[in-house]
N, C-alpha and C. Protein backbone atom coordinates (compact mmCIF):
# COMPACT_ATOMS: atom_id res chain seq x y z
N MET A 1 29.86 88.62 -18.15
CA MET A 1 29.43 87.70 -17.14
C MET A 1 28.10 88.15 -16.56
N ASN A 2 27.94 89.43 -16.33
CA ASN A 2 26.68 89.96 -15.82
C ASN A 2 25.54 89.68 -16.78
N GLU A 3 25.81 89.80 -18.06
CA GLU A 3 24.75 89.54 -19.05
C GLU A 3 24.31 88.08 -18.99
N LEU A 4 25.26 87.23 -18.78
CA LEU A 4 24.96 85.80 -18.68
C LEU A 4 24.09 85.52 -17.46
N GLU A 5 24.44 86.13 -16.32
CA GLU A 5 23.66 85.93 -15.10
C GLU A 5 22.25 86.47 -15.27
N GLN A 6 22.15 87.62 -15.91
CA GLN A 6 20.81 88.20 -16.13
C GLN A 6 19.97 87.31 -17.04
N ALA A 7 20.59 86.80 -18.10
CA ALA A 7 19.87 85.92 -19.02
C ALA A 7 19.40 84.67 -18.29
N TYR A 8 20.24 84.15 -17.39
CA TYR A 8 19.88 82.95 -16.62
C TYR A 8 18.71 83.25 -15.70
N SER A 9 18.76 84.38 -14.99
CA SER A 9 17.69 84.78 -14.07
C SER A 9 16.39 84.98 -14.82
N ASN A 10 16.45 85.61 -16.00
CA ASN A 10 15.23 85.82 -16.81
C ASN A 10 14.63 84.48 -17.25
N ALA A 11 15.50 83.58 -17.69
CA ALA A 11 15.02 82.28 -18.16
C ALA A 11 14.39 81.50 -16.99
N LYS A 12 15.01 81.61 -15.81
CA LYS A 12 14.49 80.92 -14.64
C LYS A 12 13.14 81.47 -14.25
N ARG A 13 12.97 82.74 -14.31
CA ARG A 13 11.70 83.38 -13.97
C ARG A 13 10.61 82.99 -14.95
N GLN A 14 10.96 82.91 -16.20
CA GLN A 14 9.97 82.58 -17.22
C GLN A 14 9.52 81.11 -17.13
N GLN A 15 10.43 80.25 -16.74
CA GLN A 15 10.08 78.83 -16.68
C GLN A 15 9.54 78.41 -15.32
N ARG A 16 9.46 79.27 -14.38
CA ARG A 16 8.95 78.95 -13.06
C ARG A 16 7.47 78.61 -13.16
N MET A 17 7.03 77.54 -12.40
CA MET A 17 5.63 77.12 -12.43
C MET A 17 4.83 77.96 -11.46
N SER A 18 3.60 78.08 -11.84
CA SER A 18 2.71 78.82 -10.95
C SER A 18 2.28 77.89 -9.82
N THR A 19 1.66 78.47 -8.79
CA THR A 19 1.20 77.68 -7.64
C THR A 19 0.17 76.66 -8.09
N LYS A 20 -0.70 77.07 -9.02
CA LYS A 20 -1.72 76.18 -9.53
C LYS A 20 -1.10 74.99 -10.26
N GLN A 21 -0.07 75.23 -11.07
CA GLN A 21 0.61 74.17 -11.79
C GLN A 21 1.32 73.22 -10.82
N THR A 22 1.90 73.80 -9.77
CA THR A 22 2.60 72.99 -8.76
C THR A 22 1.62 72.06 -8.06
N ARG A 23 0.44 72.61 -7.65
CA ARG A 23 -0.58 71.79 -6.99
C ARG A 23 -1.05 70.67 -7.91
N ARG A 24 -1.27 71.02 -9.16
CA ARG A 24 -1.75 70.02 -10.12
C ARG A 24 -0.73 68.90 -10.31
N LEU A 25 0.55 69.23 -10.40
CA LEU A 25 1.61 68.24 -10.54
C LEU A 25 1.69 67.33 -9.33
N LYS A 26 1.55 67.93 -8.12
CA LYS A 26 1.58 67.12 -6.89
C LYS A 26 0.39 66.16 -6.84
N ARG A 27 -0.79 66.66 -7.26
CA ARG A 27 -1.98 65.81 -7.23
C ARG A 27 -1.82 64.63 -8.20
N ILE A 28 -1.29 64.88 -9.39
CA ILE A 28 -1.08 63.83 -10.39
C ILE A 28 -0.09 62.79 -9.84
N THR A 29 0.98 63.26 -9.21
CA THR A 29 1.99 62.35 -8.65
C THR A 29 1.38 61.51 -7.53
N ARG A 30 0.59 62.17 -6.65
CA ARG A 30 -0.05 61.47 -5.54
C ARG A 30 -1.00 60.38 -6.06
N LEU A 31 -1.79 60.69 -7.09
CA LEU A 31 -2.73 59.73 -7.67
C LEU A 31 -1.99 58.53 -8.28
N ALA A 32 -0.88 58.83 -8.96
CA ALA A 32 -0.09 57.75 -9.56
C ALA A 32 0.47 56.83 -8.48
N ASN A 33 0.96 57.44 -7.38
CA ASN A 33 1.50 56.63 -6.27
C ASN A 33 0.41 55.76 -5.64
N ARG A 34 -0.80 56.36 -5.45
CA ARG A 34 -1.91 55.59 -4.87
C ARG A 34 -2.29 54.42 -5.77
N LYS A 35 -2.32 54.66 -7.08
CA LYS A 35 -2.68 53.61 -8.03
C LYS A 35 -1.70 52.45 -7.95
N GLN A 36 -0.40 52.77 -7.90
CA GLN A 36 0.63 51.73 -7.81
C GLN A 36 0.51 50.96 -6.49
N THR A 37 0.26 51.69 -5.39
CA THR A 37 0.12 51.04 -4.08
C THR A 37 -1.10 50.11 -4.08
N ARG A 38 -2.22 50.61 -4.66
CA ARG A 38 -3.44 49.79 -4.71
C ARG A 38 -3.21 48.53 -5.54
N GLN A 39 -2.53 48.65 -6.68
CA GLN A 39 -2.25 47.49 -7.52
C GLN A 39 -1.34 46.49 -6.79
N PHE A 40 -0.36 47.02 -6.05
CA PHE A 40 0.53 46.14 -5.29
C PHE A 40 -0.27 45.34 -4.27
N TRP A 41 -1.15 46.03 -3.52
CA TRP A 41 -1.93 45.33 -2.49
C TRP A 41 -2.94 44.36 -3.10
N LEU A 42 -3.49 44.69 -4.25
CA LEU A 42 -4.41 43.77 -4.92
C LEU A 42 -3.69 42.49 -5.37
N ARG A 43 -2.49 42.66 -5.94
CA ARG A 43 -1.70 41.50 -6.35
C ARG A 43 -1.32 40.64 -5.14
N THR A 44 -0.87 41.31 -4.07
CA THR A 44 -0.46 40.58 -2.86
C THR A 44 -1.65 39.83 -2.26
N THR A 45 -2.81 40.49 -2.19
CA THR A 45 -4.00 39.85 -1.65
C THR A 45 -4.43 38.67 -2.51
N GLY A 46 -4.34 38.82 -3.84
CA GLY A 46 -4.67 37.72 -4.76
C GLY A 46 -3.78 36.51 -4.55
N TRP A 47 -2.47 36.76 -4.43
CA TRP A 47 -1.54 35.66 -4.18
C TRP A 47 -1.82 34.99 -2.85
N ALA A 48 -2.04 35.78 -1.82
CA ALA A 48 -2.29 35.22 -0.49
C ALA A 48 -3.57 34.39 -0.49
N THR A 49 -4.62 34.88 -1.16
CA THR A 49 -5.88 34.14 -1.24
C THR A 49 -5.69 32.82 -1.98
N SER A 50 -4.95 32.86 -3.09
CA SER A 50 -4.69 31.63 -3.85
C SER A 50 -3.93 30.61 -3.02
N CYS A 51 -2.90 31.08 -2.30
CA CYS A 51 -2.10 30.17 -1.47
C CYS A 51 -2.96 29.55 -0.36
N CYS A 52 -3.82 30.36 0.26
CA CYS A 52 -4.70 29.85 1.32
C CYS A 52 -5.67 28.81 0.76
N ALA A 53 -6.21 29.08 -0.44
CA ALA A 53 -7.15 28.13 -1.05
C ALA A 53 -6.45 26.81 -1.37
N ILE A 54 -5.23 26.88 -1.92
CA ILE A 54 -4.48 25.66 -2.24
C ILE A 54 -4.16 24.89 -0.97
N ALA A 55 -3.74 25.60 0.09
CA ALA A 55 -3.43 24.93 1.36
C ALA A 55 -4.68 24.27 1.95
N LEU A 56 -5.83 24.93 1.85
CA LEU A 56 -7.07 24.37 2.38
C LEU A 56 -7.48 23.11 1.61
N ILE A 57 -7.43 23.19 0.28
CA ILE A 57 -7.78 22.02 -0.54
C ILE A 57 -6.81 20.87 -0.27
N GLY A 58 -5.51 21.18 -0.16
CA GLY A 58 -4.52 20.15 0.13
C GLY A 58 -4.75 19.49 1.47
N SER A 59 -5.05 20.29 2.50
CA SER A 59 -5.27 19.70 3.82
C SER A 59 -6.53 18.85 3.85
N LEU A 60 -7.59 19.27 3.13
CA LEU A 60 -8.81 18.46 3.07
C LEU A 60 -8.55 17.14 2.34
N SER A 61 -7.80 17.19 1.24
CA SER A 61 -7.47 15.97 0.50
C SER A 61 -6.63 15.03 1.35
N LEU A 62 -5.64 15.59 2.05
CA LEU A 62 -4.78 14.78 2.91
C LEU A 62 -5.59 14.16 4.04
N GLN A 63 -6.52 14.93 4.61
CA GLN A 63 -7.34 14.41 5.69
C GLN A 63 -8.22 13.26 5.19
N ASN A 64 -8.80 13.40 3.99
CA ASN A 64 -9.61 12.32 3.41
C ASN A 64 -8.76 11.08 3.17
N THR A 65 -7.54 11.28 2.63
CA THR A 65 -6.65 10.17 2.37
C THR A 65 -6.27 9.47 3.67
N LEU A 66 -5.95 10.24 4.71
CA LEU A 66 -5.59 9.65 6.00
C LEU A 66 -6.77 8.90 6.61
N ASN A 67 -7.99 9.45 6.46
CA ASN A 67 -9.17 8.76 6.98
C ASN A 67 -9.38 7.43 6.26
N ASP A 68 -9.21 7.43 4.91
CA ASP A 68 -9.35 6.19 4.14
C ASP A 68 -8.30 5.18 4.56
N PHE A 69 -7.05 5.64 4.75
CA PHE A 69 -5.97 4.74 5.15
C PHE A 69 -6.22 4.17 6.54
N GLU A 70 -6.73 5.01 7.44
CA GLU A 70 -7.04 4.55 8.80
C GLU A 70 -8.14 3.50 8.77
N LEU A 71 -9.16 3.73 7.93
CA LEU A 71 -10.24 2.76 7.78
C LEU A 71 -9.70 1.45 7.21
N PHE A 72 -8.78 1.54 6.23
CA PHE A 72 -8.16 0.35 5.66
C PHE A 72 -7.39 -0.42 6.73
N LEU A 73 -6.62 0.30 7.55
CA LEU A 73 -5.84 -0.36 8.59
C LEU A 73 -6.72 -1.04 9.64
N THR A 74 -7.88 -0.44 9.94
CA THR A 74 -8.76 -1.06 10.92
C THR A 74 -9.38 -2.34 10.38
N ASN A 75 -9.54 -2.43 9.03
CA ASN A 75 -10.12 -3.64 8.44
C ASN A 75 -9.11 -4.75 8.22
N VAL A 76 -7.81 -4.40 8.19
CA VAL A 76 -6.77 -5.40 7.97
C VAL A 76 -6.43 -6.08 9.30
N LYS A 77 -6.51 -7.39 9.30
CA LYS A 77 -6.16 -8.16 10.49
C LYS A 77 -5.13 -9.20 10.06
N PRO A 78 -3.83 -8.82 10.04
CA PRO A 78 -2.81 -9.70 9.47
C PRO A 78 -2.60 -11.00 10.22
N THR A 79 -2.87 -11.03 11.52
CA THR A 79 -2.59 -12.24 12.29
C THR A 79 -3.80 -13.16 12.40
N GLU A 80 -4.93 -12.73 11.82
CA GLU A 80 -6.15 -13.54 11.93
C GLU A 80 -6.05 -14.74 11.01
N PHE A 81 -6.34 -15.92 11.56
CA PHE A 81 -6.28 -17.16 10.78
C PHE A 81 -7.71 -17.63 10.58
N ASN A 82 -8.12 -17.76 9.30
CA ASN A 82 -9.50 -18.10 8.99
C ASN A 82 -9.51 -19.19 7.93
N THR A 83 -10.15 -20.32 8.23
CA THR A 83 -10.19 -21.43 7.27
C THR A 83 -11.40 -21.35 6.35
N GLU A 84 -12.31 -20.40 6.57
CA GLU A 84 -13.55 -20.34 5.81
C GLU A 84 -13.35 -19.89 4.36
N GLN A 85 -12.19 -19.32 4.05
CA GLN A 85 -11.98 -18.83 2.68
C GLN A 85 -11.59 -19.95 1.72
N TYR A 86 -11.39 -21.17 2.22
CA TYR A 86 -10.98 -22.29 1.39
C TYR A 86 -12.17 -23.22 1.16
N GLN A 87 -12.26 -23.77 -0.05
CA GLN A 87 -13.36 -24.68 -0.36
C GLN A 87 -13.20 -26.03 0.34
N SER A 88 -11.95 -26.45 0.50
CA SER A 88 -11.73 -27.74 1.16
C SER A 88 -10.46 -27.69 1.99
N ILE A 89 -10.39 -28.58 2.97
CA ILE A 89 -9.23 -28.68 3.84
C ILE A 89 -8.73 -30.12 3.80
N GLU A 90 -7.47 -30.30 3.42
CA GLU A 90 -6.84 -31.62 3.45
C GLU A 90 -6.14 -31.77 4.79
N THR A 91 -6.28 -32.90 5.42
CA THR A 91 -5.58 -33.17 6.67
C THR A 91 -4.71 -34.41 6.48
N HIS A 92 -3.43 -34.28 6.77
CA HIS A 92 -2.47 -35.39 6.66
C HIS A 92 -2.03 -35.75 8.08
N ASN A 93 -2.17 -37.04 8.42
CA ASN A 93 -1.91 -37.47 9.79
C ASN A 93 -1.41 -38.91 9.80
N LEU A 94 -0.62 -39.26 10.79
CA LEU A 94 -0.19 -40.64 11.01
C LEU A 94 -0.87 -41.13 12.29
N VAL A 95 -1.66 -42.17 12.17
CA VAL A 95 -2.33 -42.75 13.33
C VAL A 95 -1.90 -44.21 13.45
N GLU A 96 -1.16 -44.52 14.53
CA GLU A 96 -0.64 -45.87 14.78
C GLU A 96 0.11 -46.41 13.57
N GLY A 97 0.95 -45.57 12.97
CA GLY A 97 1.78 -45.97 11.85
C GLY A 97 1.08 -45.95 10.51
N GLU A 98 -0.22 -45.65 10.47
CA GLU A 98 -0.96 -45.62 9.21
C GLU A 98 -1.15 -44.16 8.77
N TYR A 99 -0.80 -43.88 7.53
CA TYR A 99 -0.92 -42.53 6.97
C TYR A 99 -2.36 -42.31 6.55
N LEU A 100 -3.00 -41.28 7.12
CA LEU A 100 -4.39 -40.98 6.79
C LEU A 100 -4.49 -39.61 6.14
N THR A 101 -5.24 -39.55 5.05
CA THR A 101 -5.52 -38.28 4.39
C THR A 101 -7.03 -38.10 4.35
N THR A 102 -7.50 -36.97 4.88
CA THR A 102 -8.94 -36.69 4.84
C THR A 102 -9.15 -35.34 4.17
N ILE A 103 -10.28 -35.22 3.48
CA ILE A 103 -10.65 -33.96 2.85
C ILE A 103 -11.97 -33.51 3.45
N GLN A 104 -11.95 -32.34 4.06
CA GLN A 104 -13.16 -31.79 4.66
C GLN A 104 -13.67 -30.67 3.77
N GLN A 105 -14.90 -30.77 3.34
CA GLN A 105 -15.50 -29.75 2.48
C GLN A 105 -16.08 -28.64 3.36
N GLN A 106 -15.79 -27.40 3.00
CA GLN A 106 -16.32 -26.27 3.75
C GLN A 106 -17.79 -26.02 3.39
N LYS A 107 -18.19 -26.37 2.15
CA LYS A 107 -19.56 -26.15 1.71
C LYS A 107 -20.18 -27.50 1.35
N GLN A 108 -21.49 -27.57 1.39
CA GLN A 108 -22.17 -28.82 1.00
C GLN A 108 -21.97 -29.04 -0.49
N GLN A 109 -21.40 -30.18 -0.82
CA GLN A 109 -21.19 -30.52 -2.23
C GLN A 109 -21.65 -31.95 -2.47
N LEU A 110 -21.86 -32.26 -3.71
CA LEU A 110 -22.27 -33.61 -4.08
C LEU A 110 -21.13 -34.59 -3.86
N ASP A 111 -21.49 -35.87 -3.67
CA ASP A 111 -20.48 -36.91 -3.47
C ASP A 111 -19.52 -36.98 -4.65
N SER A 112 -20.04 -36.68 -5.84
CA SER A 112 -19.18 -36.73 -7.02
C SER A 112 -18.09 -35.68 -6.96
N SER A 113 -18.42 -34.49 -6.39
CA SER A 113 -17.40 -33.45 -6.24
C SER A 113 -16.31 -33.89 -5.29
N LEU A 114 -16.71 -34.58 -4.23
CA LEU A 114 -15.73 -35.08 -3.26
C LEU A 114 -14.83 -36.11 -3.91
N GLU A 115 -15.43 -37.00 -4.69
CA GLU A 115 -14.62 -38.01 -5.37
C GLU A 115 -13.68 -37.36 -6.38
N GLY A 116 -14.17 -36.33 -7.06
CA GLY A 116 -13.32 -35.61 -8.02
C GLY A 116 -12.13 -34.97 -7.34
N ALA A 117 -12.35 -34.39 -6.15
CA ALA A 117 -11.26 -33.76 -5.40
C ALA A 117 -10.24 -34.81 -4.98
N LYS A 118 -10.72 -36.00 -4.58
CA LYS A 118 -9.80 -37.08 -4.18
C LYS A 118 -9.00 -37.56 -5.39
N ALA A 119 -9.66 -37.65 -6.55
CA ALA A 119 -8.96 -38.08 -7.77
C ALA A 119 -7.89 -37.07 -8.14
N THR A 120 -8.22 -35.77 -8.01
CA THR A 120 -7.24 -34.72 -8.29
C THR A 120 -6.07 -34.83 -7.33
N LEU A 121 -6.37 -35.10 -6.05
CA LEU A 121 -5.32 -35.24 -5.04
C LEU A 121 -4.38 -36.38 -5.42
N ASN A 122 -4.95 -37.49 -5.92
CA ASN A 122 -4.12 -38.64 -6.28
C ASN A 122 -3.27 -38.39 -7.52
N GLN A 123 -3.70 -37.49 -8.42
CA GLN A 123 -2.95 -37.22 -9.64
C GLN A 123 -1.78 -36.26 -9.41
N ILE A 124 -1.88 -35.41 -8.43
CA ILE A 124 -0.84 -34.41 -8.20
C ILE A 124 0.39 -35.06 -7.59
N HIS A 125 1.53 -34.80 -8.18
CA HIS A 125 2.77 -35.34 -7.63
C HIS A 125 3.66 -34.23 -7.06
N GLN A 126 3.61 -33.04 -7.64
CA GLN A 126 4.40 -31.91 -7.16
C GLN A 126 3.53 -30.68 -7.17
N SER A 127 3.48 -29.97 -6.06
CA SER A 127 2.70 -28.74 -6.01
C SER A 127 3.39 -27.75 -5.08
N TYR A 128 2.87 -26.54 -5.07
CA TYR A 128 3.42 -25.50 -4.22
C TYR A 128 2.33 -24.93 -3.32
N GLY A 129 2.73 -24.49 -2.16
CA GLY A 129 1.79 -23.87 -1.23
C GLY A 129 2.51 -22.88 -0.34
N LYS A 130 1.73 -22.00 0.26
CA LYS A 130 2.29 -21.00 1.16
C LYS A 130 1.96 -21.36 2.60
N LEU A 131 2.95 -21.32 3.47
CA LEU A 131 2.73 -21.55 4.90
C LEU A 131 2.01 -20.33 5.45
N ILE A 132 0.73 -20.51 5.80
CA ILE A 132 -0.03 -19.34 6.25
C ILE A 132 -0.25 -19.32 7.75
N HIS A 133 -0.07 -20.46 8.41
CA HIS A 133 -0.26 -20.49 9.86
C HIS A 133 0.44 -21.73 10.41
N SER A 134 0.96 -21.62 11.60
CA SER A 134 1.56 -22.78 12.25
C SER A 134 1.27 -22.70 13.73
N GLU A 135 1.04 -23.84 14.30
CA GLU A 135 0.86 -23.93 15.74
C GLU A 135 1.59 -25.18 16.19
N GLU A 136 1.55 -25.48 17.46
CA GLU A 136 2.37 -26.56 18.00
C GLU A 136 2.07 -27.91 17.36
N GLY A 137 0.81 -28.17 17.04
CA GLY A 137 0.45 -29.49 16.53
C GLY A 137 0.31 -29.60 15.03
N ALA A 138 0.39 -28.49 14.28
CA ALA A 138 0.13 -28.59 12.84
C ALA A 138 0.63 -27.36 12.09
N TRP A 139 0.86 -27.59 10.77
CA TRP A 139 1.10 -26.49 9.84
C TRP A 139 -0.12 -26.38 8.94
N PHE A 140 -0.44 -25.14 8.51
CA PHE A 140 -1.53 -24.91 7.56
C PHE A 140 -0.92 -24.27 6.32
N ILE A 141 -1.05 -24.99 5.18
CA ILE A 141 -0.43 -24.56 3.93
C ILE A 141 -1.54 -24.34 2.90
N ALA A 142 -1.56 -23.14 2.30
CA ALA A 142 -2.55 -22.82 1.26
C ALA A 142 -2.00 -23.23 -0.09
N ASP A 143 -2.71 -24.13 -0.78
CA ASP A 143 -2.30 -24.60 -2.10
C ASP A 143 -2.34 -23.45 -3.10
N CYS A 144 -1.33 -23.34 -3.95
CA CYS A 144 -1.24 -22.22 -4.89
C CYS A 144 -2.23 -22.33 -6.05
N LYS A 145 -2.58 -23.56 -6.48
CA LYS A 145 -3.38 -23.71 -7.69
C LYS A 145 -4.88 -23.75 -7.43
N ASN A 146 -5.29 -24.30 -6.31
CA ASN A 146 -6.73 -24.34 -6.05
C ASN A 146 -6.99 -23.86 -4.63
N GLU A 147 -8.24 -23.70 -4.30
CA GLU A 147 -8.59 -23.14 -3.00
C GLU A 147 -8.65 -24.23 -1.95
N THR A 148 -7.51 -24.84 -1.70
CA THR A 148 -7.41 -25.92 -0.72
C THR A 148 -6.44 -25.53 0.38
N LEU A 149 -6.86 -25.75 1.59
CA LEU A 149 -5.99 -25.54 2.75
C LEU A 149 -5.49 -26.91 3.17
N ILE A 150 -4.18 -27.08 3.22
CA ILE A 150 -3.59 -28.37 3.58
C ILE A 150 -3.12 -28.27 5.03
N GLU A 151 -3.71 -29.12 5.87
CA GLU A 151 -3.32 -29.18 7.28
C GLU A 151 -2.41 -30.39 7.45
N VAL A 152 -1.18 -30.14 7.86
CA VAL A 152 -0.22 -31.23 8.05
C VAL A 152 0.03 -31.34 9.57
N ARG A 153 -0.36 -32.48 10.13
CA ARG A 153 -0.25 -32.68 11.57
C ARG A 153 1.19 -32.99 11.98
N LYS A 154 1.44 -32.86 13.27
CA LYS A 154 2.80 -33.01 13.83
C LYS A 154 3.39 -34.38 13.52
N SER A 155 2.56 -35.44 13.53
CA SER A 155 3.08 -36.78 13.27
C SER A 155 3.71 -36.87 11.88
N VAL A 156 3.06 -36.27 10.87
CA VAL A 156 3.60 -36.29 9.51
C VAL A 156 4.80 -35.35 9.42
N LEU A 157 4.73 -34.20 10.07
CA LEU A 157 5.86 -33.26 10.06
C LEU A 157 7.11 -33.92 10.66
N ASP A 158 6.92 -34.65 11.77
CA ASP A 158 8.06 -35.34 12.39
C ASP A 158 8.63 -36.41 11.47
N GLU A 159 7.73 -37.14 10.79
CA GLU A 159 8.16 -38.21 9.88
C GLU A 159 8.97 -37.63 8.71
N LEU A 160 8.53 -36.46 8.21
CA LEU A 160 9.22 -35.83 7.06
C LEU A 160 10.41 -34.99 7.48
N GLY A 161 10.57 -34.73 8.77
CA GLY A 161 11.66 -33.88 9.24
C GLY A 161 11.43 -32.41 8.94
N ALA A 162 10.18 -32.05 8.66
CA ALA A 162 9.87 -30.67 8.27
C ALA A 162 10.11 -29.63 9.35
N PRO A 163 9.83 -29.90 10.63
CA PRO A 163 10.03 -28.84 11.64
C PRO A 163 11.45 -28.32 11.73
N ARG A 164 12.41 -29.13 11.29
CA ARG A 164 13.80 -28.68 11.36
C ARG A 164 14.17 -27.77 10.20
N LEU A 165 13.30 -27.67 9.20
CA LEU A 165 13.64 -26.89 8.01
C LEU A 165 13.69 -25.40 8.26
N LEU A 166 12.76 -24.89 9.07
CA LEU A 166 12.67 -23.44 9.21
C LEU A 166 11.97 -23.07 10.50
N ASP A 167 12.16 -21.82 10.89
CA ASP A 167 11.45 -21.26 12.04
C ASP A 167 10.09 -20.80 11.55
N THR A 168 9.05 -21.57 11.87
CA THR A 168 7.74 -21.32 11.27
C THR A 168 7.14 -19.99 11.68
N GLN A 169 7.43 -19.51 12.87
CA GLN A 169 6.84 -18.23 13.30
C GLN A 169 7.37 -17.07 12.47
N GLN A 170 8.62 -17.14 12.05
CA GLN A 170 9.21 -16.04 11.28
C GLN A 170 8.96 -16.19 9.78
N ASN A 171 8.46 -17.34 9.35
CA ASN A 171 8.34 -17.60 7.92
C ASN A 171 6.90 -17.77 7.47
N GLN A 172 5.96 -17.09 8.12
CA GLN A 172 4.57 -17.13 7.66
C GLN A 172 4.52 -16.54 6.25
N GLY A 173 3.83 -17.21 5.32
CA GLY A 173 3.75 -16.75 3.94
C GLY A 173 4.84 -17.31 3.05
N LEU A 174 5.74 -18.12 3.61
CA LEU A 174 6.84 -18.69 2.84
C LEU A 174 6.33 -19.76 1.88
N LEU A 175 6.87 -19.78 0.66
CA LEU A 175 6.50 -20.76 -0.35
C LEU A 175 7.19 -22.09 -0.05
N LEU A 176 6.41 -23.18 -0.10
CA LEU A 176 6.94 -24.52 0.15
C LEU A 176 6.62 -25.41 -1.04
N ALA A 177 7.53 -26.34 -1.35
CA ALA A 177 7.29 -27.34 -2.40
C ALA A 177 6.80 -28.61 -1.72
N LEU A 178 5.70 -29.16 -2.23
CA LEU A 178 5.10 -30.36 -1.65
C LEU A 178 5.21 -31.50 -2.66
N SER A 179 5.84 -32.60 -2.28
CA SER A 179 5.94 -33.78 -3.14
C SER A 179 5.03 -34.86 -2.58
N ARG A 180 4.28 -35.55 -3.48
CA ARG A 180 3.33 -36.58 -3.06
C ARG A 180 3.57 -37.85 -3.87
N ASN A 181 3.08 -38.95 -3.31
CA ASN A 181 3.09 -40.20 -4.09
C ASN A 181 1.80 -40.29 -4.86
N ASN A 182 1.58 -41.42 -5.58
CA ASN A 182 0.38 -41.53 -6.42
C ASN A 182 -0.89 -41.71 -5.60
N LYS A 183 -0.78 -41.89 -4.28
CA LYS A 183 -1.97 -41.97 -3.42
C LYS A 183 -2.30 -40.60 -2.82
N GLY A 184 -1.48 -39.60 -3.13
CA GLY A 184 -1.71 -38.26 -2.60
C GLY A 184 -1.06 -38.01 -1.25
N GLN A 185 -0.30 -38.97 -0.76
CA GLN A 185 0.36 -38.81 0.54
C GLN A 185 1.62 -37.97 0.37
N LEU A 186 1.87 -37.10 1.35
CA LEU A 186 3.05 -36.24 1.30
C LEU A 186 4.31 -37.06 1.51
N LEU A 187 5.28 -36.87 0.62
CA LEU A 187 6.56 -37.53 0.75
C LEU A 187 7.64 -36.57 1.26
N LYS A 188 7.46 -35.29 0.90
CA LYS A 188 8.49 -34.31 1.24
C LYS A 188 7.87 -32.91 1.26
N ILE A 189 8.30 -32.11 2.22
CA ILE A 189 7.98 -30.68 2.25
C ILE A 189 9.31 -29.96 2.21
N ALA A 190 9.58 -29.28 1.10
CA ALA A 190 10.88 -28.65 0.91
C ALA A 190 10.76 -27.14 1.03
N ALA A 191 11.63 -26.58 1.84
CA ALA A 191 11.71 -25.12 1.96
C ALA A 191 12.67 -24.62 0.89
N PRO A 192 12.58 -23.34 0.51
CA PRO A 192 13.53 -22.79 -0.47
C PRO A 192 14.96 -22.87 0.04
N ILE A 193 15.89 -22.72 -0.90
CA ILE A 193 17.31 -22.72 -0.53
C ILE A 193 17.56 -21.57 0.41
N LYS A 194 18.40 -21.77 1.40
CA LYS A 194 18.67 -20.74 2.40
C LYS A 194 19.14 -19.45 1.72
N GLY A 195 18.55 -18.32 2.14
CA GLY A 195 18.90 -17.02 1.56
C GLY A 195 18.07 -16.68 0.34
N LYS A 196 17.23 -17.64 -0.14
CA LYS A 196 16.40 -17.37 -1.31
C LYS A 196 14.93 -17.65 -0.98
N ASN A 197 14.47 -17.13 0.12
CA ASN A 197 13.08 -17.35 0.52
C ASN A 197 12.12 -16.71 -0.47
N LEU A 198 11.11 -17.48 -0.88
CA LEU A 198 10.13 -16.99 -1.84
C LEU A 198 8.78 -16.85 -1.13
N TYR A 199 8.05 -15.81 -1.49
CA TYR A 199 6.75 -15.56 -0.85
C TYR A 199 5.62 -15.41 -1.87
N ALA A 200 5.86 -15.77 -3.16
CA ALA A 200 4.84 -15.65 -4.19
C ALA A 200 4.70 -16.97 -4.91
N CYS A 201 3.47 -17.32 -5.23
CA CYS A 201 3.23 -18.58 -5.94
C CYS A 201 3.78 -18.49 -7.36
N PRO A 202 4.31 -19.63 -7.91
CA PRO A 202 4.84 -19.59 -9.27
C PRO A 202 3.74 -19.51 -10.30
């Protein structure tokens, strides 16, 4: 047993590192630790910089989008009623029991164009239009096929029973069917079947 202990002590003494070797090993370990720490912080800084750049670009894009949307909303005037976008305005009215239809041209046109519009009016028997505005004395219906605004006065609406068809304030933009005789006079204004309101021209 003593021989074994002596052999162990001798082997331990022989394999013991010198002070210089110990310092060198510590320095190598310290450098390796510093290198790993530096790489960790470089990776972390890179990720943080990338995230900040993405957040900055995203916020700038969102701000531009919101500015564009705000500008769009300021230009939209949904309740504004403007007759200038139509080439002609048809007015249907009853005066002392006589049905009168007039066509007012928004732009200066030749007499032949006016006659052509009247001829077209007389040929149409069934058409569609959207109720775009209503007030106490009249409805304004935009014709689906041409740029004509049809103004139907209260006297004609009462004769056709149209005011009882729908609540005009809640149905702006509603599609209506217009039936005419061969003189272009309105015979009927039909609203869609209840529960099937349409808002797009066919």
